[in-house]
């Protein structure tokens, strides 16, 4: 199958390698570029736990974390974010089931508002307001914006391939990426030219950003996880 991967470059490269090993022809066209904000001062407090809502959040936090902070428990939005945190040297990591609502529930189950504040390592654009959810539960949450995700355009070669029906499937992992893709398709006059391709979406929220595009089919993962999304392609 000819697949287009739209994740940021680091995640796209690892995913593409796995897809190629399964026999797929993969094109990488990241729609977001990640820029770490190394000059942001990290609040110094006695944190009960650290919250990460993306793999890039884990990596950004690690860039300014000392050994003591890496020993603080980390609650991650999903397995991908948890794996990134472990790879960066955080020693106590638990994963939720892939979205902000699941992370909110995990925090509520494992932590106590009376036992100290929480630090959320975030990007400049949020997918869901975790802080507001946890504030409502009585937790004190500080948000540190540690990276930016800037929008990128699609190369002309990819636009030409989409127009010619040479892409069988496009993988979408975030509402922001899906929304950027939809905007680019409209700008290029290709919103009605995707009838040979299937959209593979991590969640209903991601699929919702593709409204108005003429995909042959839009398929949504059974759970917001990489394995569930890959299962759609294998089905």
Foldseek 3Di string as FASTA:
>chain_A
DEEEEAAEDVVVVVVVVVVVVVPYHYDYWHFWYKDWDLPFDDDDDDAQEEEEEALVLLVLCLSPDDPVNLAHAYEYAADRNQVSNVVSRRDHYDYFFAHLVRSLVVCVVPHDQVPHAYEYRAAPDDDDDSCVSVVVVNHHYDYGHTMYIDGDAGDPVVVVCQQVLVHAEYEDQDLVSLLSVQVNCVVVVNQARRDNYEYQYLAVSNVVSSPSRNYVYYHYFPTNDPVSSVVVVVD
